């Protein structure tokens, strides 16, 4: 090699495709799936908010069976769905056999979810 010639650096050298490269790509994909599998088992707190109300301590202490707490939402408004205290969707109550369920009518976009993280 002449004095003025430079050896190609790793960044300058073209990638060489061979069996080992293909194997590494498959291994990386498998590792990503393993990593995703780890995340899939993380428990999350999911809550559905029917409504909110503010009250005085006096009123709170007077509560008894049959007491009605007036909420700020209208009966036809969608309920808010929170995951780990972050709003992710809205929905309407449905009855499934003898249990309540929630049909999602609006899911917060990923961009809005990221925006709400700040």
PDB file of N, CA and C in Angstrom:
ATOM      1  N   UNK A   1       0.854  -1.160   0.000  1.00  0.00           N
ATOM      2  CA  UNK A   1       0.000   0.000   0.000  1.00  0.00           C
ATOM      3  C   UNK A   1       0.899   1.221   0.000  1.00  0.00           C
ATOM      4  N   UNK A   2       0.636   2.194  -0.858  1.00  0.00           N
ATOM      5  CA  UNK A   2       1.441   3.410  -0.949  1.00  0.00           C
ATOM      6  C   UNK A   2       1.222   4.251   0.282  1.00  0.00           C
ATOM      7  N   UNK A   3       2.188   5.171   0.535  1.00  0.00           N
ATOM      8  CA  UNK A   3       2.121   5.996   1.741  1.00  0.00           C
ATOM      9  C   UNK A   3       0.888   6.877   1.785  1.00  0.00           C
ATOM     10  N   UNK A   4       0.449   7.438   0.647  1.00  0.00           N
ATOM     11  CA  UNK A   4      -0.677   8.362   0.636  1.00  0.00           C
ATOM     12  C   UNK A   4      -2.036   7.663   0.596  1.00  0.00           C
ATOM     13  N   UNK A   5      -2.035   6.353   0.398  1.00  0.00           N
ATOM     14  CA  UNK A   5      -3.288   5.612   0.411  1.00  0.00           C
ATOM     15  C   UNK A   5      -3.690   5.325   1.852  1.00  0.00           C
ATOM     16  N   UNK A   6      -4.984   5.426   2.091  1.00  0.00           N
ATOM     17  CA  UNK A   6      -5.480   5.121   3.428  1.00  0.00           C
ATOM     18  C   UNK A   6      -6.191   3.786   3.397  1.00  0.00           C
ATOM     19  N   UNK A   7      -6.081   3.093   4.506  1.00  0.00           N
ATOM     20  CA  UNK A   7      -6.812   1.850   4.610  1.00  0.00           C
ATOM     21  C   UNK A   7      -8.286   2.168   4.808  1.00  0.00           C
ATOM     22  N   UNK A   8      -9.165   1.430   4.202  1.00  0.00           N
ATOM     23  CA  UNK A   8     -10.587   1.697   4.413  1.00  0.00           C
ATOM     24  C   UNK A   8     -10.961   1.377   5.867  1.00  0.00           C
ATOM     25  N   UNK A   9     -11.690   2.295   6.459  1.00  0.00           N
ATOM     26  CA  UNK A   9     -12.168   2.047   7.824  1.00  0.00           C
ATOM     27  C   UNK A   9     -13.380   1.156   7.754  1.00  0.00           C
ATOM     28  N   UNK A  10     -13.826   0.732   8.915  1.00  0.00           N
ATOM     29  CA  UNK A  10     -14.990  -0.147   8.957  1.00  0.00           C
ATOM     30  C   UNK A  10     -16.213   0.562   8.394  1.00  0.00           C
ATOM     31  N   UNK A  11     -16.312   1.878   8.609  1.00  0.00           N
ATOM     32  CA  UNK A  11     -17.455   2.634   8.100  1.00  0.00           C
ATOM     33  C   UNK A  11     -17.418   2.738   6.584  1.00  0.00           C
ATOM     34  N   UNK A  12     -16.212   2.793   6.016  1.00  0.00           N
ATOM     35  CA  UNK A  12     -16.090   2.958   4.583  1.00  0.00           C
ATOM     36  C   UNK A  12     -16.222   1.641   3.835  1.00  0.00           C
ATOM     37  N   UNK A  13     -15.913   0.549   4.484  1.00  0.00           N
ATOM     38  CA  UNK A  13     -15.946  -0.746   3.814  1.00  0.00           C
ATOM     39  C   UNK A  13     -17.390  -1.151   3.528  1.00  0.00           C
ATOM     40  N   UNK A  14     -17.649  -1.678   2.343  1.00  0.00           N
ATOM     41  CA  UNK A  14     -19.009  -2.114   2.030  1.00  0.00           C
ATOM     42  C   UNK A  14     -19.373  -3.329   2.867  1.00  0.00           C
ATOM     43  N   UNK A  15     -20.649  -3.443   3.239  1.00  0.00           N
ATOM     44  CA  UNK A  15     -21.048  -4.605   4.038  1.00  0.00           C
ATOM     45  C   UNK A  15     -20.917  -5.882   3.226  1.00  0.00           C
ATOM     46  N   UNK A  16     -20.478  -6.922   3.888  1.00  0.00           N
ATOM     47  CA  UNK A  16     -20.311  -8.215   3.233  1.00  0.00           C
ATOM     48  C   UNK A  16     -21.435  -9.122   3.706  1.00  0.00           C
ATOM     49  N   UNK A  17     -22.215  -9.596   2.770  1.00  0.00           N
ATOM     50  CA  UNK A  17     -23.321 -10.498   3.088  1.00  0.00           C
ATOM     51  C   UNK A  17     -22.796 -11.924   3.025  1.00  0.00           C
ATOM     52  N   UNK A  18     -23.007 -12.664   4.079  1.00  0.00           N
ATOM     53  CA  UNK A  18     -22.644 -14.083   4.075  1.00  0.00           C
ATOM     54  C   UNK A  18     -23.574 -14.821   5.018  1.00  0.00           C
ATOM     55  N   UNK A  19     -23.323 -16.089   5.227  1.00  0.00           N
ATOM     56  CA  UNK A  19     -24.180 -16.891   6.096  1.00  0.00           C
ATOM     57  C   UNK A  19     -24.218 -16.343   7.511  1.00  0.00           C
ATOM     58  N   UNK A  20     -23.075 -15.875   8.025  1.00  0.00           N
ATOM     59  CA  UNK A  20     -23.013 -15.352   9.389  1.00  0.00           C
ATOM     60  C   UNK A  20     -23.882 -14.111   9.549  1.00  0.00           C
ATOM     61  N   UNK A  21     -23.903 -13.236   8.541  1.00  0.00           N
ATOM     62  CA  UNK A  21     -24.729 -12.029   8.605  1.00  0.00           C
ATOM     63  C   UNK A  21     -26.198 -12.407   8.685  1.00  0.00           C
ATOM     64  N   UNK A  22     -26.631 -13.367   7.883  1.00  0.00           N
ATOM     65  CA  UNK A  22     -28.021 -13.809   7.894  1.00  0.00           C
ATOM     66  C   UNK A  22     -28.380 -14.412   9.243  1.00  0.00           C
ATOM     67  N   UNK A  23     -27.473 -15.180   9.811  1.00  0.00           N
ATOM     68  CA  UNK A  23     -27.722 -15.794  11.106  1.00  0.00           C
ATOM     69  C   UNK A  23     -27.866 -14.726  12.181  1.00  0.00           C
ATOM     70  N   UNK A  24     -26.983 -13.705  12.147  1.00  0.00           N
ATOM     71  CA  UNK A  24     -27.051 -12.627  13.137  1.00  0.00           C
ATOM     72  C   UNK A  24     -28.365 -11.875  13.029  1.00  0.00           C
ATOM     73  N   UNK A  25     -28.848 -11.637  11.798  1.00  0.00           N
ATOM     74  CA  UNK A  25     -30.122 -10.944  11.608  1.00  0.00           C
ATOM     75  C   UNK A  25     -31.263 -11.752  12.205  1.00  0.00           C
ATOM     76  N   UNK A  26     -31.268 -13.052  11.995  1.00  0.00           N
ATOM     77  CA  UNK A  26     -32.305 -13.914  12.556  1.00  0.00           C
ATOM     78  C   UNK A  26     -32.215 -13.909  14.069  1.00  0.00           C
ATOM     79  N   UNK A  27     -30.983 -13.985  14.615  1.00  0.00           N
ATOM     80  CA  UNK A  27     -30.806 -13.962  16.066  1.00  0.00           C
ATOM     81  C   UNK A  27     -31.305 -12.647  16.644  1.00  0.00           C
ATOM     82  N   UNK A  28     -31.006 -11.530  15.985  1.00  0.00           N
ATOM     83  CA  UNK A  28     -31.458 -10.226  16.461  1.00  0.00           C
ATOM     84  C   UNK A  28     -32.975 -10.166  16.467  1.00  0.00           C
ATOM     85  N   UNK A  29     -33.619 -10.688  15.426  1.00  0.00           N
ATOM     86  CA  UNK A  29     -35.074 -10.727  15.387  1.00  0.00           C
ATOM     87  C   UNK A  29     -35.639 -11.566  16.516  1.00  0.00           C
ATOM     88  N   UNK A  30     -35.003 -12.701  16.789  1.00  0.00           N
ATOM     89  CA  UNK A  30     -35.450 -13.567  17.878  1.00  0.00           C
ATOM     90  C   UNK A  30     -35.258 -12.876  19.222  1.00  0.00           C
ATOM     91  N   UNK A  31     -34.141 -12.150  19.379  1.00  0.00           N
ATOM     92  CA  UNK A  31     -33.905 -11.405  20.629  1.00  0.00           C
ATOM     93  C   UNK A  31     -34.963 -10.329  20.814  1.00  0.00           C
ATOM     94  N   UNK A  32     -35.346  -9.646  19.738  1.00  0.00           N
ATOM     95  CA  UNK A  32     -36.388  -8.623  19.826  1.00  0.00           C
ATOM     96  C   UNK A  32     -37.709  -9.232  20.267  1.00  0.00           C
ATOM     97  N   UNK A  33     -38.026 -10.406  19.752  1.00  0.00           N
ATOM     98  CA  UNK A  33     -39.266 -11.084  20.147  1.00  0.00           C
ATOM     99  C   UNK A  33     -39.190 -11.472  21.613  1.00  0.00           C
ATOM    100  N   UNK A  34     -38.021 -11.968  22.070  1.00  0.00           N
ATOM    101  CA  UNK A  34     -37.850 -12.304  23.487  1.00  0.00           C
ATOM    102  C   UNK A  34     -38.051 -11.062  24.352  1.00  0.00           C
ATOM    103  N   UNK A  35     -37.448  -9.939  23.934  1.00  0.00           N
ATOM    104  CA  UNK A  35     -37.590  -8.694  24.689  1.00  0.00           C
ATOM    105  C   UNK A  35     -39.048  -8.255  24.738  1.00  0.00           C
ATOM    106  N   UNK A  36     -39.749  -8.382  23.641  1.00  0.00           N
ATOM    107  CA  UNK A  36     -41.162  -8.027  23.606  1.00  0.00           C
ATOM    108  C   UNK A  36     -41.960  -8.940  24.524  1.00  0.00           C
ATOM    109  N   UNK A  37     -41.611 -10.230  24.530  1.00  0.00           N
ATOM    110  CA  UNK A  37     -42.284 -11.175  25.422  1.00  0.00           C
ATOM    111  C   UNK A  37     -42.138 -10.770  26.879  1.00  0.00           C
ATOM    112  N   UNK A  38     -40.974 -10.240  27.251  1.00  0.00           N
ATOM    113  CA  UNK A  38     -40.773  -9.769  28.628  1.00  0.00           C
ATOM    114  C   UNK A  38     -41.736  -8.627  28.957  1.00  0.00           C
ATOM    115  N   UNK A  39     -41.943  -7.729  28.009  1.00  0.00           N
ATOM    116  CA  UNK A  39     -42.836  -6.585  28.226  1.00  0.00           C
ATOM    117  C   UNK A  39     -44.300  -7.007  28.304  1.00  0.00           C
ATOM    118  N   UNK A  40     -44.657  -8.053  27.590  1.00  0.00           N
ATOM    119  CA  UNK A  40     -46.054  -8.475  27.547  1.00  0.00           C
ATOM    120  C   UNK A  40     -46.566  -8.959  28.897  1.00  0.00           C
ATOM    121  N   UNK A  41     -45.670  -9.337  29.801  1.00  0.00           N
ATOM    122  CA  UNK A  41     -46.074  -9.847  31.108  1.00  0.00           C
ATOM    123  C   UNK A  41     -46.062  -8.785  32.207  1.00  0.00           C
ATOM    124  N   UNK A  42     -45.852  -7.537  31.853  1.00  0.00           N
ATOM    125  CA  UNK A  42     -45.849  -6.470  32.857  1.00  0.00           C
ATOM    126  C   UNK A  42     -47.297  -6.103  33.182  1.00  0.00           C
ATOM    127  N   UNK A  43     -47.670  -6.174  34.459  1.00  0.00           N
ATOM    128  CA  UNK A  43     -49.059  -5.819  34.820  1.00  0.00           C
ATOM    129  C   UNK A  43     -49.267  -4.306  34.772  1.00  0.00           C
ATOM    130  N   UNK A  44     -50.436  -3.899  34.315  1.00  0.00           N
ATOM    131  CA  UNK A  44     -50.805  -2.491  34.225  1.00  0.00           C
ATOM    132  C   UNK A  44     -52.100  -2.261  34.998  1.00  0.00           C
ATOM    133  N   UNK A  45     -52.224  -1.096  35.606  1.00  0.00           N
ATOM    134  CA  UNK A  45     -53.465  -0.724  36.277  1.00  0.00           C
ATOM    135  C   UNK A  45     -54.389  -0.062  35.267  1.00  0.00           C
ATOM    136  N   UNK A  46     -55.538  -0.662  35.044  1.00  0.00           N
ATOM    137  CA  UNK A  46     -56.532  -0.118  34.119  1.00  0.00           C
ATOM    138  C   UNK A  46     -57.729   0.334  34.947  1.00  0.00           C
ATOM    139  N   UNK A  47     -58.167   1.571  34.725  1.00  0.00           N
ATOM    140  CA  UNK A  47     -59.342   2.071  35.442  1.00  0.00           C
ATOM    141  C   UNK A  47     -60.254   2.801  34.469  1.00  0.00           C
ATOM    142  N   UNK A  48     -61.540   2.777  34.783  1.00  0.00           N
ATOM    143  CA  UNK A  48     -62.545   3.463  33.979  1.00  0.00           C
ATOM    144  C   UNK A  48     -63.192   4.499  34.884  1.00  0.00           C
ATOM    145  N   UNK A  49     -63.169   5.733  34.439  1.00  0.00           N
ATOM    146  CA  UNK A  49     -63.720   6.822  35.249  1.00  0.00           C
ATOM    147  C   UNK A  49     -65.128   7.161  34.795  1.00  0.00           C
ATOM    148  N   UNK A  50     -66.061   7.010  35.704  1.00  0.00           N
ATOM    149  CA  UNK A  50     -67.462   7.318  35.421  1.00  0.00           C
ATOM    150  C   UNK A  50     -67.682   8.829  35.497  1.00  0.00           C
ATOM    151  N   UNK A  51     -67.039   9.479  36.440  1.00  0.00           N
ATOM    152  CA  UNK A  51     -67.174  10.918  36.605  1.00  0.00           C
ATOM    153  C   UNK A  51     -66.446  11.379  37.844  1.00  0.00           C
ATOM    154  N   UNK A  52     -66.498  12.683  38.094  1.00  0.00           N
ATOM    155  CA  UNK A  52     -65.833  13.272  39.264  1.00  0.00           C
ATOM    156  C   UNK A  52     -66.775  14.246  39.943  1.00  0.00           C
ATOM    157  N   UNK A  53     -66.453  14.479  41.197  1.00  0.00           N
ATOM    158  CA  UNK A  53     -67.247  15.434  41.964  1.00  0.00           C
ATOM    159  C   UNK A  53     -66.373  16.025  43.055  1.00  0.00           C
ATOM    160  N   UNK A  54     -66.655  17.249  43.437  1.00  0.00           N
ATOM    161  CA  UNK A  54     -65.988  17.883  44.582  1.00  0.00           C
ATOM    162  C   UNK A  54     -67.023  18.026  45.679  1.00  0.00           C
ATOM    163  N   UNK A  55     -66.595  17.777  46.900  1.00  0.00           N
ATOM    164  CA  UNK A  55     -67.528  17.924  48.010  1.00  0.00           C
ATOM    165  C   UNK A  55     -66.784  18.386  49.247  1.00  0.00           C
ATOM    166  N   UNK A  56     -67.540  18.934  50.143  1.00  0.00           N
ATOM    167  CA  UNK A  56     -66.986  19.390  51.407  1.00  0.00           C
ATOM    168  C   UNK A  56     -66.817  18.209  52.351  1.00  0.00           C
ATOM    169  N   UNK A  57     -65.904  18.340  53.293  1.00  0.00           N
ATOM    170  CA  UNK A  57     -65.709  17.301  54.300  1.00  0.00           C
ATOM    171  C   UNK A  57     -67.014  17.066  55.053  1.00  0.00           C
ATOM    172  N   UNK A  58     -67.751  18.140  55.319  1.00  0.00           N
ATOM    173  CA  UNK A  58     -69.045  18.042  56.018  1.00  0.00           C
ATOM    174  C   UNK A  58     -69.982  17.087  55.292  1.00  0.00           C
ATOM    175  N   UNK A  59     -70.063  17.238  53.944  1.00  0.00           N
ATOM    176  CA  UNK A  59     -70.940  16.377  53.146  1.00  0.00           C
ATOM    177  C   UNK A  59     -70.425  14.934  53.134  1.00  0.00           C
ATOM    178  N   UNK A  60     -69.124  14.773  53.074  1.00  0.00           N
ATOM    179  CA  UNK A  60     -68.530  13.441  53.085  1.00  0.00           C
ATOM    180  C   UNK A  60     -68.866  12.704  54.381  1.00  0.00           C
ATOM    181  N   UNK A  61     -68.816  13.419  55.493  1.00  0.00           N
ATOM    182  CA  UNK A  61     -69.108  12.800  56.787  1.00  0.00           C
ATOM    183  C   UNK A  61     -70.591  12.477  56.962  1.00  0.00           C
ATOM    184  N   UNK A  62     -71.457  13.132  56.206  1.00  0.00           N
ATOM    185  CA  UNK A  62     -72.899  12.888  56.305  1.00  0.00           C
ATOM    186  C   UNK A  62     -73.358  11.741  55.403  1.00  0.00           C
ATOM    187  N   UNK A  63     -72.452  11.182  54.607  1.00  0.00           N
ATOM    188  CA  UNK A  63     -72.833  10.090  53.701  1.00  0.00           C
ATOM    189  C   UNK A  63     -73.316   8.880  54.476  1.00  0.00           C
ATOM    190  N   UNK A  64     -74.318   8.247  53.901  1.00  0.00           N
ATOM    191  CA  UNK A  64     -74.865   7.019  54.474  1.00  0.00           C
ATOM    192  C   UNK A  64     -75.439   6.221  53.308  1.00  0.00           C
ATOM    193  N   UNK A  65     -75.901   5.023  53.556  1.00  0.00           N
ATOM    194  CA  UNK A  65     -76.505   4.228  52.486  1.00  0.00           C
ATOM    195  C   UNK A  65     -77.629   5.021  51.840  1.00  0.00           C
ATOM    196  N   UNK A  66     -77.658   4.990  50.508  1.00  0.00           N
ATOM    197  CA  UNK A  66     -78.693   5.701  49.773  1.00  0.00           C
ATOM    198  C   UNK A  66     -78.285   7.111  49.374  1.00  0.00           C
ATOM    199  N   UNK A  67     -77.175   7.620  49.902  1.00  0.00           N
ATOM    200  CA  UNK A  67     -76.699   8.960  49.554  1.00  0.00           C
ATOM    201  C   UNK A  67     -76.314   8.964  48.071  1.00  0.00           C
ATOM    202  N   UNK A  68     -76.691   9.998  47.358  1.00  0.00           N
ATOM    203  CA  UNK A  68     -76.383  10.091  45.930  1.00  0.00           C
ATOM    204  C   UNK A  68     -75.306  11.153  45.728  1.00  0.00           C
ATOM    205  N   UNK A  69     -74.241  10.768  45.053  1.00  0.00           N
ATOM    206  CA  UNK A  69     -73.160  11.698  44.713  1.00  0.00           C
ATOM    207  C   UNK A  69     -73.377  12.127  43.270  1.00  0.00           C
ATOM    208  N   UNK A  70     -73.582  13.413  43.069  1.00  0.00           N
ATOM    209  CA  UNK A  70     -73.785  13.928  41.716  1.00  0.00           C
ATOM    210  C   UNK A  70     -72.434  14.075  41.029  1.00  0.00           C
ATOM    211  N   UNK A  71     -72.326  13.504  39.830  1.00  0.00           N
ATOM    212  CA  UNK A  71     -71.080  13.550  39.068  1.00  0.00           C
ATOM    213  C   UNK A  71     -71.162  14.627  37.998  1.00  0.00           C
ATOM    214  N   UNK A  72     -70.017  15.072  37.555  1.00  0.00           N
ATOM    215  CA  UNK A  72     -69.952  16.149  36.578  1.00  0.00           C
ATOM    216  C   UNK A  72     -70.268  15.753  35.149  1.00  0.00           C
ATOM    217  N   UNK A  73     -70.335  14.470  34.851  1.00  0.00           N
ATOM    218  CA  UNK A  73     -70.599  14.027  33.469  1.00  0.00           C
ATOM    219  C   UNK A  73     -72.086  13.835  33.231  1.00  0.00           C
ATOM    220  N   UNK A  74     -72.471  14.034  31.987  1.00  0.00           N
ATOM    221  CA  UNK A  74     -73.831  13.732  31.563  1.00  0.00           C
ATOM    222  C   UNK A  74     -73.958  12.224  31.358  1.00  0.00           C
ATOM    223  N   UNK A  75     -75.153  11.705  31.441  1.00  0.00           N
ATOM    224  CA  UNK A  75     -75.385  10.256  31.325  1.00  0.00           C
ATOM    225  C   UNK A  75     -74.959   9.705  29.970  1.00  0.00           C
ATOM    226  N   UNK A  76     -75.026  10.509  28.913  1.00  0.00           N
ATOM    227  CA  UNK A  76     -74.695  10.012  27.574  1.00  0.00           C
ATOM    228  C   UNK A  76     -73.237  10.251  27.179  1.00  0.00           C
ATOM    229  N   UNK A  77     -72.435  10.831  28.059  1.00  0.00           N
ATOM    230  CA  UNK A  77     -71.027  11.079  27.747  1.00  0.00           C
ATOM    231  C   UNK A  77     -70.217   9.791  27.859  1.00  0.00           C
ATOM    232  N   UNK A  78     -69.178   9.649  27.020  1.00  0.00           N
ATOM    233  CA  UNK A  78     -68.340   8.448  27.113  1.00  0.00           C
ATOM    234  C   UNK A  78     -67.525   8.454  28.408  1.00  0.00           C
ATOM    235  N   UNK A  79     -67.173   7.244  28.861  1.00  0.00           N
ATOM    236  CA  UNK A  79     -66.348   7.086  30.050  1.00  0.00           C
ATOM    237  C   UNK A  79     -64.872   7.109  29.644  1.00  0.00           C
ATOM    238  N   UNK A  80     -64.019   7.581  30.535  1.00  0.00           N
ATOM    239  CA  UNK A  80     -62.589   7.653  30.258  1.00  0.00           C
ATOM    240  C   UNK A  80     -61.896   6.388  30.736  1.00  0.00           C
ATOM    241  N   UNK A  81     -60.990   5.863  29.901  1.00  0.00           N
ATOM    242  CA  UNK A  81     -60.215   4.670  30.242  1.00  0.00           C
ATOM    243  C   UNK A  81     -58.769   5.109  30.465  1.00  0.00           C
ATOM    244  N   UNK A  82     -58.250   4.782  31.644  1.00  0.00           N
ATOM    245  CA  UNK A  82     -56.876   5.140  32.003  1.00  0.00           C
ATOM    246  C   UNK A  82     -56.047   3.876  32.183  1.00  0.00           C
ATOM    247  N   UNK A  83     -54.812   3.921  31.705  1.00  0.00           N
ATOM    248  CA  UNK A  83     -53.838   2.865  31.963  1.00  0.00           C
ATOM    249  C   UNK A  83     -52.672   3.530  32.675  1.00  0.00           C
ATOM    250  N   UNK A  84     -52.406   3.056  33.893  1.00  0.00           N
ATOM    251  CA  UNK A  84     -51.377   3.661  34.740  1.00  0.00           C
ATOM    252  C   UNK A  84     -51.557   5.176  34.820  1.00  0.00           C
ATOM    253  N   UNK A  85     -52.779   5.594  35.055  1.00  0.00           N
ATOM    254  CA  UNK A  85     -53.159   7.001  35.251  1.00  0.00           C
ATOM    255  C   UNK A  85     -53.032   7.870  34.001  1.00  0.00           C
ATOM    256  N   UNK A  86     -52.909   7.272  32.843  1.00  0.00           N
ATOM    257  CA  UNK A  86     -52.823   8.028  31.591  1.00  0.00           C
ATOM    258  C   UNK A  86     -54.048   7.702  30.733  1.00  0.00           C
ATOM    259  N   UNK A  87     -54.718   8.745  30.258  1.00  0.00           N
ATOM    260  CA  UNK A  87     -55.892   8.553  29.413  1.00  0.00           C
ATOM    261  C   UNK A  87     -55.471   7.902  28.103  1.00  0.00           C
ATOM    262  N   UNK A  88     -56.109   6.767  27.782  1.00  0.00           N
ATOM    263  CA  UNK A  88     -55.766   6.094  26.526  1.00  0.00           C
ATOM    264  C   UNK A  88     -56.971   5.874  25.626  1.00  0.00           C
ATOM    265  N   UNK A  89     -58.199   5.974  26.187  1.00  0.00           N
ATOM    266  CA  UNK A  89     -59.381   5.726  25.362  1.00  0.00           C
ATOM    267  C   UNK A  89     -60.639   6.234  26.058  1.00  0.00           C
ATOM    268  N   UNK A  90     -61.724   6.234  25.298  1.00  0.00           N
ATOM    269  CA  UNK A  90     -63.056   6.545  25.826  1.00  0.00           C
ATOM    270  C   UNK A  90     -64.000   5.469  25.307  1.00  0.00           C
ATOM    271  N   UNK A  91     -65.062   5.230  26.054  1.00  0.00           N
ATOM    272  CA  UNK A  91     -65.973   4.194  25.619  1.00  0.00           C
ATOM    273  C   UNK A  91     -67.323   4.285  26.278  1.00  0.00           C
ATOM    274  N   UNK A  92     -68.192   3.338  25.911  1.00  0.00           N
ATOM    275  CA  UNK A  92     -69.546   3.309  26.446  1.00  0.00           C
ATOM    276  C   UNK A  92     -69.783   1.986  27.165  1.00  0.00           C
ATOM    277  N   UNK A  93     -70.603   2.042  28.185  1.00  0.00           N
ATOM    278  CA  UNK A  93     -70.906   0.863  28.982  1.00  0.00           C
ATOM    279  C   UNK A  93     -71.783  -0.095  28.187  1.00  0.00           C
ATOM    280  N   UNK A  94     -71.454  -1.383  28.268  1.00  0.00           N
ATOM    281  CA  UNK A  94     -72.268  -2.429  27.663  1.00  0.00           C
ATOM    282  C   UNK A  94     -72.508  -3.502  28.719  1.00  0.00           C
ATOM    283  N   UNK A  95     -73.585  -4.236  28.564  1.00  0.00           N
ATOM    284  CA  UNK A  95     -73.912  -5.320  29.477  1.00  0.00           C
ATOM    285  C   UNK A  95     -73.626  -6.636  28.775  1.00  0.00           C
ATOM    286  N   UNK A  96     -72.771  -7.466  29.393  1.00  0.00           N
ATOM    287  CA  UNK A  96     -72.407  -8.757  28.840  1.00  0.00           C
ATOM    288  C   UNK A  96     -72.835  -9.801  29.859  1.00  0.00           C
ATOM    289  N   UNK A  97     -73.894 -10.552  29.533  1.00  0.00           N
ATOM    290  CA  UNK A  97     -74.532 -11.450  30.500  1.00  0.00           C
ATOM    291  C   UNK A  97     -74.928 -10.614  31.714  1.00  0.00           C
ATOM    292  N   UNK A  98     -74.361 -10.893  32.870  1.00  0.00           N
ATOM    293  CA  UNK A  98     -74.688 -10.109  34.062  1.00  0.00           C
ATOM    294  C   UNK A  98     -73.530  -9.216  34.488  1.00  0.00           C
ATOM    295  N   UNK A  99     -72.592  -8.957  33.583  1.00  0.00           N
ATOM    296  CA  UNK A  99     -71.419  -8.152  33.921  1.00  0.00           C
ATOM    297  C   UNK A  99     -71.367  -6.907  33.054  1.00  0.00           C
ATOM    298  N   UNK A 100     -70.765  -5.863  33.617  1.00  0.00           N
ATOM    299  CA  UNK A 100     -70.559  -4.639  32.849  1.00  0.00           C
ATOM    300  C   UNK A 100     -69.290  -4.763  32.024  1.00  0.00           C
ATOM    301  N   UNK A 101     -69.313  -4.147  30.869  1.00  0.00           N
ATOM    302  CA  UNK A 101     -68.134  -4.087  30.012  1.00  0.00           C
ATOM    303  C   UNK A 101     -68.030  -2.695  29.437  1.00  0.00           C
ATOM    304  N   UNK A 102     -67.022  -2.463  28.638  1.00  0.00           N
ATOM    305  CA  UNK A 102     -66.820  -1.163  28.027  1.00  0.00           C
ATOM    306  C   UNK A 102     -66.458  -1.352  26.564  1.00  0.00           C
ATOM    307  N   UNK A 103     -67.239  -0.771  25.681  1.00  0.00           N
ATOM    308  CA  UNK A 103     -66.938  -0.789  24.244  1.00  0.00           C
ATOM    309  C   UNK A 103     -66.173   0.492  23.936  1.00  0.00           C
ATOM    310  N   UNK A 104     -64.948   0.356  23.451  1.00  0.00           N
ATOM    311  CA  UNK A 104     -64.139   1.537  23.137  1.00  0.00           C
ATOM    312  C   UNK A 104     -64.704   2.232  21.907  1.00  0.00           C
ATOM    313  N   UNK A 105     -64.903   3.529  22.034  1.00  0.00           N
ATOM    314  CA  UNK A 105     -65.430   4.318  20.917  1.00  0.00           C
ATOM    315  C   UNK A 105     -64.394   5.282  20.366  1.00  0.00           C
ATOM    316  N   UNK A 106     -63.361   5.558  21.156  1.00  0.00           N
ATOM    317  CA  UNK A 106     -62.325   6.500  20.735  1.00  0.00           C
ATOM    318  C   UNK A 106     -61.035   6.129  21.449  1.00  0.00           C
ATOM    319  N   UNK A 107     -59.980   5.841  20.687  1.00  0.00           N
ATOM    320  CA  UNK A 107     -58.684   5.516  21.274  1.00  0.00           C
ATOM    321  C   UNK A 107     -57.740   6.679  21.005  1.00  0.00           C
ATOM    322  N   UNK A 108     -57.062   7.124  22.055  1.00  0.00           N
ATOM    323  CA  UNK A 108     -56.131   8.250  21.928  1.00  0.00           C
ATOM    324  C   UNK A 108     -54.990   7.825  21.010  1.00  0.00           C
ATOM    325  N   UNK A 109     -54.629   8.682  20.074  1.00  0.00           N
ATOM    326  CA  UNK A 109     -53.576   8.350  19.110  1.00  0.00           C
ATOM    327  C   UNK A 109     -52.229   8.225  19.823  1.00  0.00           C
ATOM    328  N   UNK A 110     -51.312   7.437  19.257  1.00  0.00           N
ATOM    329  CA  UNK A 110     -49.987   7.310  19.866  1.00  0.00           C
ATOM    330  C   UNK A 110     -49.298   8.671  20.026  1.00  0.00           C
ATOM    331  N   UNK A 111     -49.490   9.574  19.077  1.00  0.00           N
ATOM    332  CA  UNK A 111     -48.873  10.900  19.181  1.00  0.00           C
ATOM    333  C   UNK A 111     -49.403  11.658  20.398  1.00  0.00           C
ATOM    334  N   UNK A 112     -50.728  11.571  20.639  1.00  0.00           N
ATOM    335  CA  UNK A 112     -51.314  12.230  21.805  1.00  0.00           C
ATOM    336  C   UNK A 112     -50.833  11.578  23.099  1.00  0.00           C
ATOM    337  N   UNK A 113     -50.679  10.263  23.092  1.00  0.00           N
ATOM    338  CA  UNK A 113     -50.197   9.568  24.287  1.00  0.00           C
ATOM    339  C   UNK A 113     -48.787  10.026  24.632  1.00  0.00           C
ATOM    340  N   UNK A 114     -47.929  10.148  23.616  1.00  0.00           N
ATOM    341  CA  UNK A 114     -46.543  10.613  23.844  1.00  0.00           C
ATOM    342  C   UNK A 114     -46.574  12.053  24.343  1.00  0.00           C
ATOM    343  N   UNK A 115     -47.445  12.867  23.773  1.00  0.00           N
ATOM    344  CA  UNK A 115     -47.574  14.266  24.183  1.00  0.00           C
ATOM    345  C   UNK A 115     -47.987  14.363  25.662  1.00  0.00           C
ATOM    346  N   UNK A 116     -48.846  13.464  26.110  1.00  0.00           N
ATOM    347  CA  UNK A 116     -49.328  13.464  27.494  1.00  0.00           C
ATOM    348  C   UNK A 116     -48.270  12.976  28.487  1.00  0.00           C
ATOM    349  N   UNK A 117     -47.180  12.362  28.011  1.00  0.00           N
ATOM    350  CA  UNK A 117     -46.136  11.890  28.902  1.00  0.00           C
ATOM    351  C   UNK A 117     -45.364  13.052  29.527  1.00  0.00           C
ATOM    352  N   UNK A 118     -45.307  14.158  28.825  1.00  0.00           N
ATOM    353  CA  UNK A 118     -44.519  15.303  29.309  1.00  0.00           C
ATOM    354  C   UNK A 118     -45.191  16.012  30.476  1.00  0.00           C
TER     355      UNK A 118
END
